[in-house]
Amino acid sequence: MKENELKKNLSEMSVMDLLKYCEKEIETLRIGKKFGVRDLFKGHQWNDLTKGTRLKLGIMFLEFANSGEGKRYIEFVEKTSSSQNEFKRIKPEPVPQNDEFEDF
């Protein structure tokens, strides 16, 4: 999707699609980089979202960060003085392998 198309469509995306967008943006961050959800959006994109959408996305992102998949490569750091959650990009942990069939 081109940048202009993304700008137009961002405010029309569902919260789940926005979460997937955030997941892709995290992959571009260097290991050790601290960030807030709003930092994953370029320019004024974050402000183009409604307050309700930003709140829902923030809650879902925190749940994602504390879940199995998110926990592999991001961690919660702290809640800032402006009540924003801060996260850190960490080195991805390897996906656990199922050793059940190793003897075959």
N, C-alpha and C. Protein backbone atom coordinates (compact mmCIF):
# COMPACT_ATOMS: atom_id res chain seq x y z
N MET A 1 0.84 -1.18 0.00
CA MET A 1 0.00 0.00 0.00
C MET A 1 0.88 1.24 0.00
N LYS A 2 0.62 2.16 -0.86
CA LYS A 2 1.40 3.38 -0.96
C LYS A 2 1.14 4.26 0.26
N GLU A 3 2.10 5.16 0.57
CA GLU A 3 1.99 6.03 1.74
C GLU A 3 0.72 6.88 1.70
N ASN A 4 0.39 7.47 0.55
CA ASN A 4 -0.82 8.29 0.44
C ASN A 4 -2.07 7.48 0.69
N GLU A 5 -2.10 6.26 0.15
CA GLU A 5 -3.26 5.38 0.36
C GLU A 5 -3.39 5.03 1.83
N LEU A 6 -2.25 4.79 2.50
CA LEU A 6 -2.27 4.46 3.92
C LEU A 6 -2.83 5.62 4.72
N LYS A 7 -2.40 6.84 4.40
CA LYS A 7 -2.90 8.02 5.12
C LYS A 7 -4.40 8.13 4.98
N LYS A 8 -4.92 7.89 3.79
CA LYS A 8 -6.35 8.00 3.56
C LYS A 8 -7.11 6.89 4.27
N ASN A 9 -6.56 5.68 4.28
CA ASN A 9 -7.27 4.52 4.79
C ASN A 9 -7.06 4.26 6.27
N LEU A 10 -6.07 4.87 6.88
CA LEU A 10 -5.74 4.59 8.27
C LEU A 10 -6.93 4.84 9.19
N SER A 11 -7.61 5.95 9.02
CA SER A 11 -8.73 6.27 9.89
C SER A 11 -9.93 5.36 9.63
N GLU A 12 -9.92 4.65 8.49
CA GLU A 12 -11.01 3.75 8.16
C GLU A 12 -10.71 2.30 8.56
N MET A 13 -9.50 2.03 9.02
CA MET A 13 -9.11 0.67 9.37
C MET A 13 -9.74 0.26 10.70
N SER A 14 -10.00 -1.04 10.84
CA SER A 14 -10.50 -1.55 12.12
C SER A 14 -9.34 -1.55 13.12
N VAL A 15 -9.68 -1.65 14.39
CA VAL A 15 -8.65 -1.67 15.43
C VAL A 15 -7.75 -2.88 15.25
N MET A 16 -8.31 -4.01 14.85
CA MET A 16 -7.49 -5.21 14.61
C MET A 16 -6.50 -4.98 13.47
N ASP A 17 -6.93 -4.31 12.40
CA ASP A 17 -6.02 -4.00 11.30
C ASP A 17 -4.93 -3.03 11.74
N LEU A 18 -5.30 -2.08 12.59
CA LEU A 18 -4.30 -1.14 13.12
C LEU A 18 -3.28 -1.87 13.98
N LEU A 19 -3.73 -2.86 14.74
CA LEU A 19 -2.82 -3.65 15.56
C LEU A 19 -1.85 -4.43 14.66
N LYS A 20 -2.34 -4.98 13.58
CA LYS A 20 -1.46 -5.68 12.63
C LYS A 20 -0.46 -4.71 12.01
N TYR A 21 -0.92 -3.50 11.72
CA TYR A 21 -0.02 -2.46 11.20
C TYR A 21 1.09 -2.18 12.22
N CYS A 22 0.74 -2.08 13.49
CA CYS A 22 1.73 -1.84 14.55
C CYS A 22 2.74 -2.98 14.63
N GLU A 23 2.26 -4.21 14.50
CA GLU A 23 3.15 -5.38 14.54
C GLU A 23 4.21 -5.28 13.44
N LYS A 24 3.79 -4.87 12.25
CA LYS A 24 4.74 -4.74 11.14
C LYS A 24 5.73 -3.61 11.39
N GLU A 25 5.27 -2.52 11.98
CA GLU A 25 6.15 -1.39 12.26
C GLU A 25 7.18 -1.75 13.33
N ILE A 26 6.82 -2.58 14.28
CA ILE A 26 7.75 -3.00 15.34
C ILE A 26 8.96 -3.69 14.73
N GLU A 27 8.73 -4.45 13.68
CA GLU A 27 9.83 -5.18 13.03
C GLU A 27 10.90 -4.24 12.49
N THR A 28 10.55 -2.98 12.25
CA THR A 28 11.51 -2.02 11.71
C THR A 28 12.34 -1.34 12.80
N LEU A 29 11.95 -1.54 14.06
CA LEU A 29 12.67 -0.90 15.16
C LEU A 29 13.93 -1.69 15.51
N ARG A 30 14.95 -0.97 15.92
CA ARG A 30 16.19 -1.64 16.34
C ARG A 30 15.98 -2.26 17.73
N ILE A 31 16.72 -3.31 18.01
CA ILE A 31 16.67 -3.98 19.31
C ILE A 31 17.08 -2.97 20.39
N GLY A 32 16.31 -2.89 21.46
CA GLY A 32 16.60 -1.98 22.56
C GLY A 32 15.87 -0.65 22.47
N LYS A 33 15.24 -0.37 21.34
CA LYS A 33 14.53 0.90 21.13
C LYS A 33 13.27 0.94 21.98
N LYS A 34 13.10 2.03 22.75
CA LYS A 34 11.89 2.25 23.53
C LYS A 34 10.92 3.03 22.66
N PHE A 35 9.62 2.72 22.81
CA PHE A 35 8.62 3.37 21.98
C PHE A 35 7.25 3.31 22.63
N GLY A 36 6.39 4.19 22.19
CA GLY A 36 4.97 4.16 22.54
C GLY A 36 4.20 3.79 21.29
N VAL A 37 2.95 3.40 21.44
CA VAL A 37 2.16 3.00 20.29
C VAL A 37 2.10 4.14 19.27
N ARG A 38 1.96 5.37 19.74
CA ARG A 38 1.87 6.51 18.82
C ARG A 38 3.14 6.66 17.99
N ASP A 39 4.27 6.20 18.48
CA ASP A 39 5.54 6.30 17.74
C ASP A 39 5.57 5.38 16.52
N LEU A 40 4.66 4.42 16.46
CA LEU A 40 4.62 3.48 15.34
C LEU A 40 3.90 4.07 14.13
N PHE A 41 3.34 5.26 14.30
CA PHE A 41 2.63 5.94 13.23
C PHE A 41 3.45 7.14 12.76
N LYS A 42 3.39 7.42 11.49
CA LYS A 42 4.18 8.50 10.91
C LYS A 42 3.40 9.82 10.95
N GLY A 43 4.14 10.89 11.21
CA GLY A 43 3.56 12.23 11.15
C GLY A 43 2.30 12.37 11.98
N HIS A 44 1.26 12.84 11.35
CA HIS A 44 -0.01 13.13 12.04
C HIS A 44 -0.98 11.95 12.01
N GLN A 45 -0.55 10.79 11.55
CA GLN A 45 -1.45 9.64 11.42
C GLN A 45 -2.13 9.30 12.74
N TRP A 46 -1.37 9.33 13.84
CA TRP A 46 -1.92 9.00 15.15
C TRP A 46 -3.05 9.96 15.50
N ASN A 47 -2.85 11.25 15.26
CA ASN A 47 -3.87 12.24 15.59
C ASN A 47 -5.08 12.16 14.68
N ASP A 48 -4.94 11.53 13.52
CA ASP A 48 -6.07 11.36 12.61
C ASP A 48 -7.05 10.30 13.10
N LEU A 49 -6.59 9.44 14.01
CA LEU A 49 -7.46 8.42 14.58
C LEU A 49 -8.33 9.06 15.66
N THR A 50 -9.54 8.55 15.82
CA THR A 50 -10.39 9.09 16.88
C THR A 50 -9.82 8.72 18.24
N LYS A 51 -10.19 9.47 19.25
CA LYS A 51 -9.69 9.20 20.60
C LYS A 51 -10.11 7.79 21.04
N GLY A 52 -11.34 7.41 20.72
CA GLY A 52 -11.82 6.07 21.08
C GLY A 52 -11.00 4.98 20.42
N THR A 53 -10.65 5.18 19.15
CA THR A 53 -9.83 4.20 18.43
C THR A 53 -8.45 4.12 19.04
N ARG A 54 -7.87 5.27 19.38
CA ARG A 54 -6.53 5.28 20.01
C ARG A 54 -6.56 4.55 21.35
N LEU A 55 -7.60 4.76 22.13
CA LEU A 55 -7.71 4.09 23.43
C LEU A 55 -7.85 2.58 23.26
N LYS A 56 -8.73 2.15 22.36
CA LYS A 56 -8.90 0.71 22.11
C LYS A 56 -7.61 0.08 21.62
N LEU A 57 -6.94 0.77 20.70
CA LEU A 57 -5.68 0.25 20.16
C LEU A 57 -4.64 0.13 21.26
N GLY A 58 -4.57 1.14 22.13
CA GLY A 58 -3.61 1.10 23.24
C GLY A 58 -3.86 -0.08 24.17
N ILE A 59 -5.12 -0.34 24.47
CA ILE A 59 -5.47 -1.47 25.34
C ILE A 59 -5.13 -2.79 24.66
N MET A 60 -5.49 -2.90 23.39
CA MET A 60 -5.20 -4.14 22.65
C MET A 60 -3.70 -4.35 22.48
N PHE A 61 -2.95 -3.27 22.29
CA PHE A 61 -1.51 -3.40 22.12
C PHE A 61 -0.87 -3.88 23.42
N LEU A 62 -1.33 -3.36 24.55
CA LEU A 62 -0.80 -3.82 25.85
C LEU A 62 -1.10 -5.30 26.05
N GLU A 63 -2.31 -5.72 25.70
CA GLU A 63 -2.65 -7.15 25.79
C GLU A 63 -1.75 -7.97 24.87
N PHE A 64 -1.51 -7.47 23.66
CA PHE A 64 -0.63 -8.15 22.72
C PHE A 64 0.79 -8.26 23.29
N ALA A 65 1.28 -7.16 23.88
CA ALA A 65 2.64 -7.14 24.44
C ALA A 65 2.79 -8.14 25.58
N ASN A 66 1.71 -8.38 26.30
CA ASN A 66 1.76 -9.30 27.43
C ASN A 66 1.39 -10.73 27.05
N SER A 67 1.02 -10.95 25.78
CA SER A 67 0.62 -12.28 25.33
C SER A 67 1.83 -13.04 24.80
N GLY A 68 1.61 -14.28 24.45
CA GLY A 68 2.69 -15.14 23.96
C GLY A 68 3.44 -14.57 22.78
N GLU A 69 2.73 -14.21 21.71
CA GLU A 69 3.41 -13.73 20.50
C GLU A 69 4.13 -12.40 20.72
N GLY A 70 3.45 -11.46 21.30
CA GLY A 70 4.05 -10.15 21.53
C GLY A 70 5.21 -10.18 22.51
N LYS A 71 5.07 -11.02 23.52
CA LYS A 71 6.10 -11.15 24.55
C LYS A 71 7.44 -11.62 23.99
N ARG A 72 7.39 -12.25 22.82
CA ARG A 72 8.62 -12.76 22.21
C ARG A 72 9.55 -11.63 21.77
N TYR A 73 9.00 -10.46 21.39
CA TYR A 73 9.88 -9.42 20.85
C TYR A 73 9.61 -8.01 21.34
N ILE A 74 8.67 -7.82 22.27
CA ILE A 74 8.51 -6.52 22.92
C ILE A 74 8.22 -6.75 24.40
N GLU A 75 8.56 -5.76 25.20
CA GLU A 75 8.24 -5.85 26.62
C GLU A 75 7.75 -4.50 27.12
N PHE A 76 6.85 -4.55 28.08
CA PHE A 76 6.34 -3.34 28.72
C PHE A 76 7.44 -2.78 29.60
N VAL A 77 7.66 -1.46 29.51
CA VAL A 77 8.70 -0.83 30.33
C VAL A 77 8.07 -0.08 31.49
N GLU A 78 7.18 0.88 31.17
CA GLU A 78 6.56 1.68 32.22
C GLU A 78 5.40 2.49 31.65
N LYS A 79 4.65 3.06 32.56
CA LYS A 79 3.61 4.02 32.18
C LYS A 79 4.24 5.39 32.42
N THR A 80 4.25 6.22 31.39
CA THR A 80 4.90 7.53 31.49
C THR A 80 4.05 8.50 32.31
N SER A 81 4.61 9.67 32.59
CA SER A 81 3.89 10.68 33.35
C SER A 81 2.64 11.17 32.61
N SER A 82 2.61 11.00 31.29
CA SER A 82 1.44 11.40 30.51
C SER A 82 0.48 10.21 30.29
N SER A 83 0.63 9.18 31.12
CA SER A 83 -0.22 7.98 31.08
C SER A 83 -0.11 7.18 29.79
N GLN A 84 0.99 7.33 29.09
CA GLN A 84 1.24 6.53 27.89
C GLN A 84 2.08 5.32 28.29
N ASN A 85 1.75 4.17 27.72
CA ASN A 85 2.55 2.97 27.98
C ASN A 85 3.80 3.02 27.12
N GLU A 86 4.93 2.68 27.73
CA GLU A 86 6.20 2.63 27.00
C GLU A 86 6.64 1.18 26.92
N PHE A 87 7.11 0.81 25.73
CA PHE A 87 7.55 -0.55 25.46
C PHE A 87 8.99 -0.54 24.96
N LYS A 88 9.60 -1.71 24.92
CA LYS A 88 10.95 -1.82 24.38
C LYS A 88 11.01 -3.01 23.43
N ARG A 89 11.68 -2.79 22.29
CA ARG A 89 11.90 -3.86 21.31
C ARG A 89 13.02 -4.72 21.84
N ILE A 90 12.77 -6.00 21.97
CA ILE A 90 13.79 -6.92 22.46
C ILE A 90 14.12 -7.94 21.39
N LYS A 91 15.21 -8.64 21.59
CA LYS A 91 15.62 -9.67 20.64
C LYS A 91 14.57 -10.77 20.63
N PRO A 92 14.10 -11.16 19.45
CA PRO A 92 13.07 -12.20 19.41
C PRO A 92 13.58 -13.51 19.98
N GLU A 93 12.74 -14.11 20.81
CA GLU A 93 13.07 -15.44 21.33
C GLU A 93 12.70 -16.47 20.27
N PRO A 94 13.45 -17.54 20.18
CA PRO A 94 13.10 -18.57 19.20
C PRO A 94 11.74 -19.19 19.51
N VAL A 95 11.05 -19.58 18.49
CA VAL A 95 9.76 -20.25 18.67
C VAL A 95 10.03 -21.64 19.22
N PRO A 96 9.36 -22.02 20.32
CA PRO A 96 9.59 -23.36 20.87
C PRO A 96 9.25 -24.43 19.84
N GLN A 97 10.11 -25.41 19.75
CA GLN A 97 9.91 -26.50 18.79
C GLN A 97 9.21 -27.65 19.49
N ASN A 98 8.39 -28.33 18.76
CA ASN A 98 7.69 -29.50 19.28
C ASN A 98 8.58 -30.71 19.09
N ASP A 99 9.14 -31.25 20.18
CA ASP A 99 10.06 -32.38 20.11
C ASP A 99 9.34 -33.73 20.12
N GLU A 100 8.04 -33.71 20.07
CA GLU A 100 7.26 -34.92 20.19
C GLU A 100 7.59 -35.94 19.10
N PHE A 101 7.88 -35.47 17.89
CA PHE A 101 8.11 -36.38 16.77
C PHE A 101 9.57 -36.51 16.39
N GLU A 102 10.47 -36.12 17.28
CA GLU A 102 11.89 -36.13 16.96
C GLU A 102 12.46 -37.54 16.77
N ASP A 103 11.86 -38.55 17.40
CA ASP A 103 12.39 -39.90 17.33
C ASP A 103 12.07 -40.62 16.02
N PHE A 104 11.22 -40.07 15.19
CA PHE A 104 10.82 -40.74 13.94
C PHE A 104 11.75 -40.48 12.82
